[in-house]
Amino acid sequence: METVGQIKKLLVETEGLIDQAGEQYGELEAWGYRNLELEGLHKQARAVRSRLRQIFHSFNMLEISDFAGEIRETVDRTAATHEMVGRLRSAQRRQTRDGAIIAVMLLVFAGLLVYYRHAFLE
């Protein structure tokens, strides 16, 4: 019974990881990030999840652990990609904000120069 409990716990954890990675991958796609290799890994993870459910009744802990490890690799890669793209998007937003601030400052400076010219040089 202990083995059955371990297998069930492993399956539940793996299901949660797959769902989490799926959400992160969906977010990456929504951000416009498409990676064919990552997409292939997610398709493979879904297939492995299906096989994992099928072998649940075999009680072969080694085989089940191998499948769970394969899914964890996909989850880890998705999480790392999600974090990297998130940092990139954050940096791009900061650059856009900083660029806008600089543009406004230059416009204000140009306006002051035009005002100075009209007020004092004419």
PDB file of N, CA and C in Angstrom:
ATOM      1  N   MET A   1       0.821  -1.207   0.000  1.00  0.00           N
ATOM      2  CA  MET A   1       0.000   0.000   0.000  1.00  0.00           C
ATOM      3  C   MET A   1       0.866   1.274   0.000  1.00  0.00           C
ATOM      4  N   GLU A   2       2.040   1.159   0.606  1.00  0.00           N
ATOM      5  CA  GLU A   2       2.922   2.320   0.636  1.00  0.00           C
ATOM      6  C   GLU A   2       3.364   2.698  -0.773  1.00  0.00           C
ATOM      7  N   THR A   3       3.656   1.705  -1.594  1.00  0.00           N
ATOM      8  CA  THR A   3       4.063   1.955  -2.975  1.00  0.00           C
ATOM      9  C   THR A   3       2.937   2.616  -3.746  1.00  0.00           C
ATOM     10  N   VAL A   4       1.716   2.134  -3.533  1.00  0.00           N
ATOM     11  CA  VAL A   4       0.556   2.730  -4.208  1.00  0.00           C
ATOM     12  C   VAL A   4       0.415   4.194  -3.809  1.00  0.00           C
ATOM     13  N   GLY A   5       0.619   4.493  -2.528  1.00  0.00           N
ATOM     14  CA  GLY A   5       0.551   5.870  -2.053  1.00  0.00           C
ATOM     15  C   GLY A   5       1.624   6.738  -2.688  1.00  0.00           C
ATOM     16  N   GLN A   6       2.840   6.201  -2.805  1.00  0.00           N
ATOM     17  CA  GLN A   6       3.932   6.945  -3.432  1.00  0.00           C
ATOM     18  C   GLN A   6       3.639   7.213  -4.904  1.00  0.00           C
ATOM     19  N   ILE A   7       3.117   6.192  -5.570  1.00  0.00           N
ATOM     20  CA  ILE A   7       2.798   6.344  -6.995  1.00  0.00           C
ATOM     21  C   ILE A   7       1.705   7.378  -7.176  1.00  0.00           C
ATOM     22  N   LYS A   8       0.679   7.308  -6.358  1.00  0.00           N
ATOM     23  CA  LYS A   8      -0.428   8.272  -6.463  1.00  0.00           C
ATOM     24  C   LYS A   8       0.072   9.691  -6.197  1.00  0.00           C
ATOM     25  N   LYS A   9       0.921   9.836  -5.164  1.00  0.00           N
ATOM     26  CA  LYS A   9       1.475  11.164  -4.852  1.00  0.00           C
ATOM     27  C   LYS A   9       2.290  11.686  -6.032  1.00  0.00           C
ATOM     28  N   LEU A  10       3.105  10.821  -6.619  1.00  0.00           N
ATOM     29  CA  LEU A  10       3.921  11.202  -7.765  1.00  0.00           C
ATOM     30  C   LEU A  10       3.046  11.622  -8.946  1.00  0.00           C
ATOM     31  N   LEU A  11       1.984  10.875  -9.178  1.00  0.00           N
ATOM     32  CA  LEU A  11       1.079  11.217 -10.280  1.00  0.00           C
ATOM     33  C   LEU A  11       0.392  12.556 -10.045  1.00  0.00           C
ATOM     34  N   VAL A  12      -0.065  12.782  -8.821  1.00  0.00           N
ATOM     35  CA  VAL A  12      -0.741  14.051  -8.505  1.00  0.00           C
ATOM     36  C   VAL A  12       0.227  15.223  -8.664  1.00  0.00           C
ATOM     37  N   GLU A  13       1.461  15.067  -8.158  1.00  0.00           N
ATOM     38  CA  GLU A  13       2.465  16.130  -8.304  1.00  0.00           C
ATOM     39  C   GLU A  13       2.775  16.398  -9.774  1.00  0.00           C
ATOM     40  N   THR A  14       2.900  15.318 -10.531  1.00  0.00           N
ATOM     41  CA  THR A  14       3.220  15.452 -11.954  1.00  0.00           C
ATOM     42  C   THR A  14       2.094  16.148 -12.694  1.00  0.00           C
ATOM     43  N   GLU A  15       0.857  15.803 -12.381  1.00  0.00           N
ATOM     44  CA  GLU A  15      -0.296  16.472 -12.999  1.00  0.00           C
ATOM     45  C   GLU A  15      -0.259  17.977 -12.715  1.00  0.00           C
ATOM     46  N   GLY A  16       0.038  18.327 -11.462  1.00  0.00           N
ATOM     47  CA  GLY A  16       0.125  19.743 -11.097  1.00  0.00           C
ATOM     48  C   GLY A  16       1.230  20.465 -11.846  1.00  0.00           C
ATOM     49  N   LEU A  17       2.372  19.798 -11.987  1.00  0.00           N
ATOM     50  CA  LEU A  17       3.486  20.399 -12.723  1.00  0.00           C
ATOM     51  C   LEU A  17       3.140  20.601 -14.194  1.00  0.00           C
ATOM     52  N   ILE A  18       2.461  19.628 -14.779  1.00  0.00           N
ATOM     53  CA  ILE A  18       2.066  19.744 -16.185  1.00  0.00           C
ATOM     54  C   ILE A  18       1.088  20.907 -16.360  1.00  0.00           C
ATOM     55  N   ASP A  19       0.142  21.025 -15.447  1.00  0.00           N
ATOM     56  CA  ASP A  19      -0.818  22.130 -15.527  1.00  0.00           C
ATOM     57  C   ASP A  19      -0.110  23.480 -15.399  1.00  0.00           C
ATOM     58  N   GLN A  20       0.830  23.553 -14.439  1.00  0.00           N
ATOM     59  CA  GLN A  20       1.583  24.800 -14.238  1.00  0.00           C
ATOM     60  C   GLN A  20       2.397  25.146 -15.485  1.00  0.00           C
ATOM     61  N   ALA A  21       3.074  24.159 -16.035  1.00  0.00           N
ATOM     62  CA  ALA A  21       3.885  24.403 -17.243  1.00  0.00           C
ATOM     63  C   ALA A  21       2.992  24.778 -18.413  1.00  0.00           C
ATOM     64  N   GLY A  22       1.820  24.168 -18.503  1.00  0.00           N
ATOM     65  CA  GLY A  22       0.881  24.512 -19.573  1.00  0.00           C
ATOM     66  C   GLY A  22       0.429  25.956 -19.488  1.00  0.00           C
ATOM     67  N   GLU A  23       0.175  26.417 -18.267  1.00  0.00           N
ATOM     68  CA  GLU A  23      -0.222  27.816 -18.079  1.00  0.00           C
ATOM     69  C   GLU A  23       0.916  28.756 -18.477  1.00  0.00           C
ATOM     70  N   GLN A  24       2.130  28.415 -18.061  1.00  0.00           N
ATOM     71  CA  GLN A  24       3.275  29.256 -18.407  1.00  0.00           C
ATOM     72  C   GLN A  24       3.513  29.263 -19.909  1.00  0.00           C
ATOM     73  N   TYR A  25       3.369  28.111 -20.548  1.00  0.00           N
ATOM     74  CA  TYR A  25       3.556  28.044 -21.992  1.00  0.00           C
ATOM     75  C   TYR A  25       2.464  28.853 -22.700  1.00  0.00           C
ATOM     76  N   GLY A  26       1.235  28.780 -22.205  1.00  0.00           N
ATOM     77  CA  GLY A  26       0.154  29.584 -22.769  1.00  0.00           C
ATOM     78  C   GLY A  26       0.447  31.071 -22.646  1.00  0.00           C
ATOM     79  N   GLU A  27       1.015  31.466 -21.507  1.00  0.00           N
ATOM     80  CA  GLU A  27       1.386  32.863 -21.315  1.00  0.00           C
ATOM     81  C   GLU A  27       2.482  33.272 -22.289  1.00  0.00           C
ATOM     82  N   LEU A  28       3.463  32.385 -22.488  1.00  0.00           N
ATOM     83  CA  LEU A  28       4.529  32.673 -23.452  1.00  0.00           C
ATOM     84  C   LEU A  28       3.953  32.886 -24.846  1.00  0.00           C
ATOM     85  N   GLU A  29       3.021  32.029 -25.235  1.00  0.00           N
ATOM     86  CA  GLU A  29       2.391  32.191 -26.553  1.00  0.00           C
ATOM     87  C   GLU A  29       1.610  33.491 -26.623  1.00  0.00           C
ATOM     88  N   ALA A  30       0.919  33.849 -25.541  1.00  0.00           N
ATOM     89  CA  ALA A  30       0.158  35.097 -25.509  1.00  0.00           C
ATOM     90  C   ALA A  30       1.084  36.304 -25.636  1.00  0.00           C
ATOM     91  N   TRP A  31       2.311  36.166 -25.152  1.00  0.00           N
ATOM     92  CA  TRP A  31       3.299  37.236 -25.256  1.00  0.00           C
ATOM     93  C   TRP A  31       3.918  37.285 -26.638  1.00  0.00           C
ATOM     94  N   GLY A  32       3.561  36.322 -27.485  1.00  0.00           N
ATOM     95  CA  GLY A  32       4.110  36.303 -28.837  1.00  0.00           C
ATOM     96  C   GLY A  32       5.376  35.477 -28.959  1.00  0.00           C
ATOM     97  N   TYR A  33       5.727  34.739 -27.919  1.00  0.00           N
ATOM     98  CA  TYR A  33       6.931  33.904 -27.945  1.00  0.00           C
ATOM     99  C   TYR A  33       6.549  32.504 -28.404  1.00  0.00           C
ATOM    100  N   ARG A  34       7.099  32.106 -29.546  1.00  0.00           N
ATOM    101  CA  ARG A  34       6.853  30.756 -30.057  1.00  0.00           C
ATOM    102  C   ARG A  34       8.182  30.059 -30.232  1.00  0.00           C
ATOM    103  N   ASN A  35       8.254  28.886 -29.672  1.00  0.00           N
ATOM    104  CA  ASN A  35       9.468  28.087 -29.760  1.00  0.00           C
ATOM    105  C   ASN A  35       9.042  26.678 -30.127  1.00  0.00           C
ATOM    106  N   LEU A  36       9.422  26.238 -31.304  1.00  0.00           N
ATOM    107  CA  LEU A  36       8.971  24.930 -31.783  1.00  0.00           C
ATOM    108  C   LEU A  36       9.488  23.796 -30.911  1.00  0.00           C
ATOM    109  N   GLU A  37      10.699  23.937 -30.407  1.00  0.00           N
ATOM    110  CA  GLU A  37      11.238  22.882 -29.548  1.00  0.00           C
ATOM    111  C   GLU A  37      10.440  22.773 -28.251  1.00  0.00           C
ATOM    112  N   LEU A  38      10.122  23.923 -27.650  1.00  0.00           N
ATOM    113  CA  LEU A  38       9.338  23.931 -26.423  1.00  0.00           C
ATOM    114  C   LEU A  38       7.929  23.416 -26.679  1.00  0.00           C
ATOM    115  N   GLU A  39       7.376  23.782 -27.812  1.00  0.00           N
ATOM    116  CA  GLU A  39       6.050  23.281 -28.177  1.00  0.00           C
ATOM    117  C   GLU A  39       6.083  21.752 -28.303  1.00  0.00           C
ATOM    118  N   GLY A  40       7.126  21.229 -28.918  1.00  0.00           N
ATOM    119  CA  GLY A  40       7.276  19.783 -29.042  1.00  0.00           C
ATOM    120  C   GLY A  40       7.413  19.107 -27.694  1.00  0.00           C
ATOM    121  N   LEU A  41       8.147  19.750 -26.776  1.00  0.00           N
ATOM    122  CA  LEU A  41       8.296  19.191 -25.439  1.00  0.00           C
ATOM    123  C   LEU A  41       6.955  19.111 -24.722  1.00  0.00           C
ATOM    124  N   HIS A  42       6.102  20.119 -24.927  1.00  0.00           N
ATOM    125  CA  HIS A  42       4.792  20.099 -24.271  1.00  0.00           C
ATOM    126  C   HIS A  42       3.888  19.024 -24.866  1.00  0.00           C
ATOM    127  N   LYS A  43       3.962  18.835 -26.151  1.00  0.00           N
ATOM    128  CA  LYS A  43       3.193  17.752 -26.759  1.00  0.00           C
ATOM    129  C   LYS A  43       3.673  16.410 -26.231  1.00  0.00           C
ATOM    130  N   GLN A  44       4.988  16.274 -26.115  1.00  0.00           N
ATOM    131  CA  GLN A  44       5.554  15.038 -25.597  1.00  0.00           C
ATOM    132  C   GLN A  44       5.149  14.834 -24.132  1.00  0.00           C
ATOM    133  N   ALA A  45       5.126  15.914 -23.349  1.00  0.00           N
ATOM    134  CA  ALA A  45       4.737  15.808 -21.939  1.00  0.00           C
ATOM    135  C   ALA A  45       3.299  15.327 -21.809  1.00  0.00           C
ATOM    136  N   ARG A  46       2.425  15.815 -22.696  1.00  0.00           N
ATOM    137  CA  ARG A  46       1.033  15.348 -22.658  1.00  0.00           C
ATOM    138  C   ARG A  46       0.960  13.861 -22.999  1.00  0.00           C
ATOM    139  N   ALA A  47       1.767  13.429 -23.950  1.00  0.00           N
ATOM    140  CA  ALA A  47       1.786  12.007 -24.316  1.00  0.00           C
ATOM    141  C   ALA A  47       2.350  11.167 -23.170  1.00  0.00           C
ATOM    142  N   VAL A  48       3.387  11.677 -22.519  1.00  0.00           N
ATOM    143  CA  VAL A  48       3.969  10.966 -21.381  1.00  0.00           C
ATOM    144  C   VAL A  48       2.966  10.890 -20.239  1.00  0.00           C
ATOM    145  N   ARG A  49       2.210  11.972 -20.023  1.00  0.00           N
ATOM    146  CA  ARG A  49       1.187  11.948 -18.976  1.00  0.00           C
ATOM    147  C   ARG A  49       0.178  10.851 -19.263  1.00  0.00           C
ATOM    148  N   SER A  50      -0.203  10.715 -20.507  1.00  0.00           N
ATOM    149  CA  SER A  50      -1.146   9.665 -20.883  1.00  0.00           C
ATOM    150  C   SER A  50      -0.552   8.286 -20.605  1.00  0.00           C
ATOM    151  N   ARG A  51       0.712   8.086 -20.986  1.00  0.00           N
ATOM    152  CA  ARG A  51       1.361   6.796 -20.722  1.00  0.00           C
ATOM    153  C   ARG A  51       1.521   6.569 -19.224  1.00  0.00           C
ATOM    154  N   LEU A  52       1.789   7.635 -18.498  1.00  0.00           N
ATOM    155  CA  LEU A  52       1.951   7.538 -17.051  1.00  0.00           C
ATOM    156  C   LEU A  52       0.656   7.048 -16.407  1.00  0.00           C
ATOM    157  N   ARG A  53      -0.458   7.556 -16.871  1.00  0.00           N
ATOM    158  CA  ARG A  53      -1.751   7.097 -16.356  1.00  0.00           C
ATOM    159  C   ARG A  53      -1.979   5.625 -16.689  1.00  0.00           C
ATOM    160  N   GLN A  54      -1.544   5.236 -17.881  1.00  0.00           N
ATOM    161  CA  GLN A  54      -1.744   3.848 -18.295  1.00  0.00           C
ATOM    162  C   GLN A  54      -0.913   2.877 -17.470  1.00  0.00           C
ATOM    163  N   ILE A  55       0.305   3.263 -17.115  1.00  0.00           N
ATOM    164  CA  ILE A  55       1.168   2.334 -16.373  1.00  0.00           C
ATOM    165  C   ILE A  55       0.967   2.434 -14.870  1.00  0.00           C
ATOM    166  N   PHE A  56       0.075   3.295 -14.420  1.00  0.00           N
ATOM    167  CA  PHE A  56      -0.191   3.444 -12.990  1.00  0.00           C
ATOM    168  C   PHE A  56      -0.488   2.096 -12.351  1.00  0.00           C
ATOM    169  N   HIS A  57      -1.217   1.271 -13.021  1.00  0.00           N
ATOM    170  CA  HIS A  57      -1.640  -0.008 -12.458  1.00  0.00           C
ATOM    171  C   HIS A  57      -0.552  -1.065 -12.520  1.00  0.00           C
ATOM    172  N   SER A  58       0.548  -0.773 -13.162  1.00  0.00           N
ATOM    173  CA  SER A  58       1.637  -1.751 -13.231  1.00  0.00           C
ATOM    174  C   SER A  58       2.472  -1.753 -11.953  1.00  0.00           C
ATOM    175  N   PHE A  59       2.380  -0.690 -11.178  1.00  0.00           N
ATOM    176  CA  PHE A  59       3.146  -0.528  -9.943  1.00  0.00           C
ATOM    177  C   PHE A  59       4.651  -0.621 -10.179  1.00  0.00           C
ATOM    178  N   ASN A  60       5.099  -0.302 -11.380  1.00  0.00           N
ATOM    179  CA  ASN A  60       6.520  -0.299 -11.705  1.00  0.00           C
ATOM    180  C   ASN A  60       7.049   1.096 -11.385  1.00  0.00           C
ATOM    181  N   MET A  61       7.543   1.242 -10.161  1.00  0.00           N
ATOM    182  CA  MET A  61       7.963   2.551  -9.674  1.00  0.00           C
ATOM    183  C   MET A  61       9.097   3.133 -10.516  1.00  0.00           C
ATOM    184  N   LEU A  62      10.006   2.297 -10.993  1.00  0.00           N
ATOM    185  CA  LEU A  62      11.120   2.791 -11.802  1.00  0.00           C
ATOM    186  C   LEU A  62      10.616   3.412 -13.102  1.00  0.00           C
ATOM    187  N   GLU A  63       9.728   2.734 -13.778  1.00  0.00           N
ATOM    188  CA  GLU A  63       9.184   3.247 -15.036  1.00  0.00           C
ATOM    189  C   GLU A  63       8.367   4.517 -14.807  1.00  0.00           C
ATOM    190  N   ILE A  64       7.592   4.507 -13.750  1.00  0.00           N
ATOM    191  CA  ILE A  64       6.777   5.682 -13.426  1.00  0.00           C
ATOM    192  C   ILE A  64       7.682   6.868 -13.080  1.00  0.00           C
ATOM    193  N   SER A  65       8.741   6.615 -12.326  1.00  0.00           N
ATOM    194  CA  SER A  65       9.676   7.688 -11.970  1.00  0.00           C
ATOM    195  C   SER A  65      10.381   8.242 -13.207  1.00  0.00           C
ATOM    196  N   ASP A  66      10.724   7.353 -14.151  1.00  0.00           N
ATOM    197  CA  ASP A  66      11.351   7.808 -15.397  1.00  0.00           C
ATOM    198  C   ASP A  66      10.428   8.747 -16.162  1.00  0.00           C
ATOM    199  N   PHE A  67       9.147   8.366 -16.287  1.00  0.00           N
ATOM    200  CA  PHE A  67       8.189   9.214 -16.985  1.00  0.00           C
ATOM    201  C   PHE A  67       8.001  10.545 -16.254  1.00  0.00           C
ATOM    202  N   ALA A  68       7.916  10.486 -14.935  1.00  0.00           N
ATOM    203  CA  ALA A  68       7.751  11.719 -14.154  1.00  0.00           C
ATOM    204  C   ALA A  68       8.973  12.619 -14.318  1.00  0.00           C
ATOM    205  N   GLY A  69      10.153  12.021 -14.365  1.00  0.00           N
ATOM    206  CA  GLY A  69      11.375  12.803 -14.570  1.00  0.00           C
ATOM    207  C   GLY A  69      11.383  13.480 -15.930  1.00  0.00           C
ATOM    208  N   GLU A  70      10.892  12.782 -16.928  1.00  0.00           N
ATOM    209  CA  GLU A  70      10.807  13.356 -18.275  1.00  0.00           C
ATOM    210  C   GLU A  70       9.882  14.572 -18.283  1.00  0.00           C
ATOM    211  N   ILE A  71       8.791  14.458 -17.565  1.00  0.00           N
ATOM    212  CA  ILE A  71       7.849  15.581 -17.480  1.00  0.00           C
ATOM    213  C   ILE A  71       8.481  16.729 -16.694  1.00  0.00           C
ATOM    214  N   ARG A  72       9.198  16.422 -15.623  1.00  0.00           N
ATOM    215  CA  ARG A  72       9.849  17.477 -14.830  1.00  0.00           C
ATOM    216  C   ARG A  72      10.852  18.269 -15.669  1.00  0.00           C
ATOM    217  N   GLU A  73      11.560  17.595 -16.565  1.00  0.00           N
ATOM    218  CA  GLU A  73      12.504  18.296 -17.437  1.00  0.00           C
ATOM    219  C   GLU A  73      11.780  19.319 -18.305  1.00  0.00           C
ATOM    220  N   THR A  74      10.634  18.934 -18.843  1.00  0.00           N
ATOM    221  CA  THR A  74       9.838  19.861 -19.650  1.00  0.00           C
ATOM    222  C   THR A  74       9.348  21.022 -18.802  1.00  0.00           C
ATOM    223  N   VAL A  75       8.887  20.714 -17.599  1.00  0.00           N
ATOM    224  CA  VAL A  75       8.391  21.747 -16.692  1.00  0.00           C
ATOM    225  C   VAL A  75       9.515  22.717 -16.334  1.00  0.00           C
ATOM    226  N   ASP A  76      10.685  22.183 -16.016  1.00  0.00           N
ATOM    227  CA  ASP A  76      11.820  23.049 -15.658  1.00  0.00           C
ATOM    228  C   ASP A  76      12.226  23.944 -16.819  1.00  0.00           C
ATOM    229  N   ARG A  77      12.256  23.386 -18.004  1.00  0.00           N
ATOM    230  CA  ARG A  77      12.639  24.172 -19.187  1.00  0.00           C
ATOM    231  C   ARG A  77      11.610  25.270 -19.468  1.00  0.00           C
ATOM    232  N   THR A  78      10.336  24.921 -19.315  1.00  0.00           N
ATOM    233  CA  THR A  78       9.275  25.917 -19.525  1.00  0.00           C
ATOM    234  C   THR A  78       9.378  27.032 -18.491  1.00  0.00           C
ATOM    235  N   ALA A  79       9.604  26.668 -17.234  1.00  0.00           N
ATOM    236  CA  ALA A  79       9.710  27.674 -16.172  1.00  0.00           C
ATOM    237  C   ALA A  79      10.901  28.597 -16.421  1.00  0.00           C
ATOM    238  N   ALA A  80      12.026  28.030 -16.831  1.00  0.00           N
ATOM    239  CA  ALA A  80      13.207  28.856 -17.102  1.00  0.00           C
ATOM    240  C   ALA A  80      12.954  29.793 -18.279  1.00  0.00           C
ATOM    241  N   THR A  81      12.320  29.287 -19.322  1.00  0.00           N
ATOM    242  CA  THR A  81      12.006  30.126 -20.489  1.00  0.00           C
ATOM    243  C   THR A  81      11.022  31.218 -20.109  1.00  0.00           C
ATOM    244  N   HIS A  82      10.010  30.861 -19.317  1.00  0.00           N
ATOM    245  CA  HIS A  82       9.009  31.834 -18.870  1.00  0.00           C
ATOM    246  C   HIS A  82       9.668  32.947 -18.070  1.00  0.00           C
ATOM    247  N   GLU A  83      10.570  32.577 -17.174  1.00  0.00           N
ATOM    248  CA  GLU A  83      11.263  33.574 -16.364  1.00  0.00           C
ATOM    249  C   GLU A  83      12.143  34.474 -17.234  1.00  0.00           C
ATOM    250  N   MET A  84      12.859  33.867 -18.178  1.00  0.00           N
ATOM    251  CA  MET A  84      13.744  34.641 -19.048  1.00  0.00           C
ATOM    252  C   MET A  84      12.946  35.624 -19.916  1.00  0.00           C
ATOM    253  N   VAL A  85      11.872  35.153 -20.526  1.00  0.00           N
ATOM    254  CA  VAL A  85      11.057  36.022 -21.377  1.00  0.00           C
ATOM    255  C   VAL A  85      10.379  37.094 -20.525  1.00  0.00           C
ATOM    256  N   GLY A  86       9.960  36.737 -19.317  1.00  0.00           N
ATOM    257  CA  GLY A  86       9.366  37.730 -18.412  1.00  0.00           C
ATOM    258  C   GLY A  86      10.345  38.837 -18.069  1.00  0.00           C
ATOM    259  N   ARG A  87      11.598  38.458 -17.793  1.00  0.00           N
ATOM    260  CA  ARG A  87      12.627  39.482 -17.507  1.00  0.00           C
ATOM    261  C   ARG A  87      12.885  40.345 -18.736  1.00  0.00           C
ATOM    262  N   LEU A  88      12.909  39.726 -19.901  1.00  0.00           N
ATOM    263  CA  LEU A  88      13.117  40.475 -21.140  1.00  0.00           C
ATOM    264  C   LEU A  88      11.989  41.470 -21.368  1.00  0.00           C
ATOM    265  N   ARG A  89      10.750  41.022 -21.173  1.00  0.00           N
ATOM    266  CA  ARG A  89       9.599  41.924 -21.343  1.00  0.00           C
ATOM    267  C   ARG A  89       9.662  43.074 -20.344  1.00  0.00           C
ATOM    268  N   SER A  90      10.075  42.785 -19.125  1.00  0.00           N
ATOM    269  CA  SER A  90      10.188  43.821 -18.099  1.00  0.00           C
ATOM    270  C   SER A  90      11.257  44.841 -18.493  1.00  0.00           C
ATOM    271  N   ALA A  91      12.378  44.362 -18.997  1.00  0.00           N
ATOM    272  CA  ALA A  91      13.448  45.269 -19.449  1.00  0.00           C
ATOM    273  C   ALA A  91      12.974  46.122 -20.624  1.00  0.00           C
ATOM    274  N   GLN A  92      12.218  45.519 -21.534  1.00  0.00           N
ATOM    275  CA  GLN A  92      11.707  46.276 -22.681  1.00  0.00           C
ATOM    276  C   GLN A  92      10.732  47.362 -22.221  1.00  0.00           C
ATOM    277  N   ARG A  93       9.903  47.043 -21.225  1.00  0.00           N
ATOM    278  CA  ARG A  93       8.970  48.067 -20.706  1.00  0.00           C
ATOM    279  C   ARG A  93       9.738  49.212 -20.058  1.00  0.00           C
ATOM    280  N   ARG A  94      10.801  48.873 -19.290  1.00  0.00           N
ATOM    281  CA  ARG A  94      11.613  49.925 -18.671  1.00  0.00           C
ATOM    282  C   ARG A  94      12.280  50.786 -19.734  1.00  0.00           C
ATOM    283  N   GLN A  95      12.810  50.159 -20.778  1.00  0.00           N
ATOM    284  CA  GLN A  95      13.465  50.914 -21.850  1.00  0.00           C
ATOM    285  C   GLN A  95      12.470  51.823 -22.554  1.00  0.00           C
ATOM    286  N   THR A  96      11.276  51.324 -22.797  1.00  0.00           N
ATOM    287  CA  THR A  96      10.239  52.139 -23.445  1.00  0.00           C
ATOM    288  C   THR A  96       9.883  53.331 -22.562  1.00  0.00           C
ATOM    289  N   ARG A  97       9.703  53.076 -21.267  1.00  0.00           N
ATOM    290  CA  ARG A  97       9.377  54.156 -20.335  1.00  0.00           C
ATOM    291  C   ARG A  97      10.502  55.180 -20.282  1.00  0.00           C
ATOM    292  N   ASP A  98      11.739  54.700 -20.169  1.00  0.00           N
ATOM    293  CA  ASP A  98      12.875  55.615 -20.113  1.00  0.00           C
ATOM    294  C   ASP A  98      13.007  56.414 -21.415  1.00  0.00           C
ATOM    295  N   GLY A  99      12.800  55.770 -22.542  1.00  0.00           N
ATOM    296  CA  GLY A  99      12.850  56.462 -23.831  1.00  0.00           C
ATOM    297  C   GLY A  99      11.790  57.539 -23.936  1.00  0.00           C
ATOM    298  N   ALA A 100      10.588  57.237 -23.445  1.00  0.00           N
ATOM    299  CA  ALA A 100       9.505  58.224 -23.477  1.00  0.00           C
ATOM    300  C   ALA A 100       9.836  59.422 -22.588  1.00  0.00           C
ATOM    301  N   ILE A 101      10.407  59.158 -21.419  1.00  0.00           N
ATOM    302  CA  ILE A 101      10.779  60.243 -20.509  1.00  0.00           C
ATOM    303  C   ILE A 101      11.846  61.133 -21.157  1.00  0.00           C
ATOM    304  N   ILE A 102      12.831  60.514 -21.776  1.00  0.00           N
ATOM    305  CA  ILE A 102      13.892  61.283 -22.442  1.00  0.00           C
ATOM    306  C   ILE A 102      13.319  62.107 -23.595  1.00  0.00           C
ATOM    307  N   ALA A 103      12.407  61.515 -24.363  1.00  0.00           N
ATOM    308  CA  ALA A 103      11.796  62.246 -25.483  1.00  0.00           C
ATOM    309  C   ALA A 103      11.019  63.454 -24.976  1.00  0.00           C
ATOM    310  N   VAL A 104      10.283  63.281 -23.891  1.00  0.00           N
ATOM    311  CA  VAL A 104       9.518  64.399 -23.317  1.00  0.00           C
ATOM    312  C   VAL A 104      10.480  65.482 -22.821  1.00  0.00           C
ATOM    313  N   MET A 105      11.559  65.070 -22.164  1.00  0.00           N
ATOM    314  CA  MET A 105      12.532  66.048 -21.686  1.00  0.00           C
ATOM    315  C   MET A 105      13.157  66.823 -22.842  1.00  0.00           C
ATOM    316  N   LEU A 106      13.480  66.137 -23.936  1.00  0.00           N
ATOM    317  CA  LEU A 106      14.046  66.822 -25.104  1.00  0.00           C
ATOM    318  C   LEU A 106      13.040  67.790 -25.716  1.00  0.00           C
ATOM    319  N   LEU A 107      11.777  67.385 -25.762  1.00  0.00           N
ATOM    320  CA  LEU A 107      10.749  68.298 -26.285  1.00  0.00           C
ATOM    321  C   LEU A 107      10.602  69.530 -25.401  1.00  0.00           C
ATOM    322  N   VAL A 108      10.646  69.340 -24.095  1.00  0.00           N
ATOM    323  CA  VAL A 108      10.557  70.471 -23.171  1.00  0.00           C
ATOM    324  C   VAL A 108      11.763  71.387 -23.365  1.00  0.00           C
ATOM    325  N   PHE A 109      12.945  70.806 -23.485  1.00  0.00           N
ATOM    326  CA  PHE A 109      14.153  71.600 -23.707  1.00  0.00           C
ATOM    327  C   PHE A 109      14.064  72.378 -25.026  1.00  0.00           C
ATOM    328  N   ALA A 110      13.577  71.699 -26.081  1.00  0.00           N
ATOM    329  CA  ALA A 110      13.421  72.377 -27.378  1.00  0.00           C
ATOM    330  C   ALA A 110      12.409  73.514 -27.253  1.00  0.00           C
ATOM    331  N   GLY A 111      11.354  73.270 -26.509  1.00  0.00           N
ATOM    332  CA  GLY A 111      10.357  74.320 -26.289  1.00  0.00           C
ATOM    333  C   GLY A 111      10.940  75.503 -25.553  1.00  0.00           C
ATOM    334  N   LEU A 112      11.782  75.230 -24.565  1.00  0.00           N
ATOM    335  CA  LEU A 112      12.441  76.309 -23.830  1.00  0.00           C
ATOM    336  C   LEU A 112      13.394  77.093 -24.724  1.00  0.00           C
ATOM    337  N   LEU A 113      14.109  76.391 -25.602  1.00  0.00           N
ATOM    338  CA  LEU A 113      14.994  77.088 -26.535  1.00  0.00           C
ATOM    339  C   LEU A 113      14.206  77.992 -27.478  1.00  0.00           C
ATOM    340  N   VAL A 114      13.088  77.513 -27.989  1.00  0.00           N
ATOM    341  CA  VAL A 114      12.243  78.326 -28.880  1.00  0.00           C
ATOM    342  C   VAL A 114      11.709  79.527 -28.108  1.00  0.00           C
ATOM    343  N   TYR A 115      11.246  79.311 -26.877  1.00  0.00           N
ATOM    344  CA  TYR A 115      10.747  80.408 -26.047  1.00  0.00           C
ATOM    345  C   TYR A 115      11.862  81.432 -25.811  1.00  0.00           C
ATOM    346  N   TYR A 116      13.048  80.976 -25.453  1.00  0.00           N
ATOM    347  CA  TYR A 116      14.175  81.862 -25.202  1.00  0.00           C
ATOM    348  C   TYR A 116      14.499  82.690 -26.440  1.00  0.00           C
ATOM    349  N   ARG A 117      14.506  82.029 -27.583  1.00  0.00           N
ATOM    350  CA  ARG A 117      14.812  82.736 -28.830  1.00  0.00           C
ATOM    351  C   ARG A 117      13.801  83.828 -29.100  1.00  0.00           C
ATOM    352  N   HIS A 118      12.506  83.503 -28.943  1.00  0.00           N
ATOM    353  CA  HIS A 118      11.479  84.495 -29.221  1.00  0.00           C
ATOM    354  C   HIS A 118      11.448  85.594 -28.147  1.00  0.00           C
ATOM    355  N   ALA A 119      11.697  85.242 -26.917  1.00  0.00           N
ATOM    356  CA  ALA A 119      11.594  86.208 -25.838  1.00  0.00           C
ATOM    357  C   ALA A 119      12.801  87.135 -25.738  1.00  0.00           C
ATOM    358  N   PHE A 120      13.963  86.631 -26.028  1.00  0.00           N
ATOM    359  CA  PHE A 120      15.157  87.430 -25.744  1.00  0.00           C
ATOM    360  C   PHE A 120      15.972  87.819 -26.982  1.00  0.00           C
ATOM    361  N   LEU A 121      15.831  87.114 -28.081  1.00  0.00           N
ATOM    362  CA  LEU A 121      16.673  87.390 -29.223  1.00  0.00           C
ATOM    363  C   LEU A 121      15.958  88.152 -30.340  1.00  0.00           C
ATOM    364  N   GLU A 122      14.739  88.348 -30.257  1.00  0.00           N
ATOM    365  CA  GLU A 122      14.022  89.079 -31.319  1.00  0.00           C
ATOM    366  C   GLU A 122      13.621  90.457 -30.895  1.00  0.00           C
TER     367      GLU A 122
END
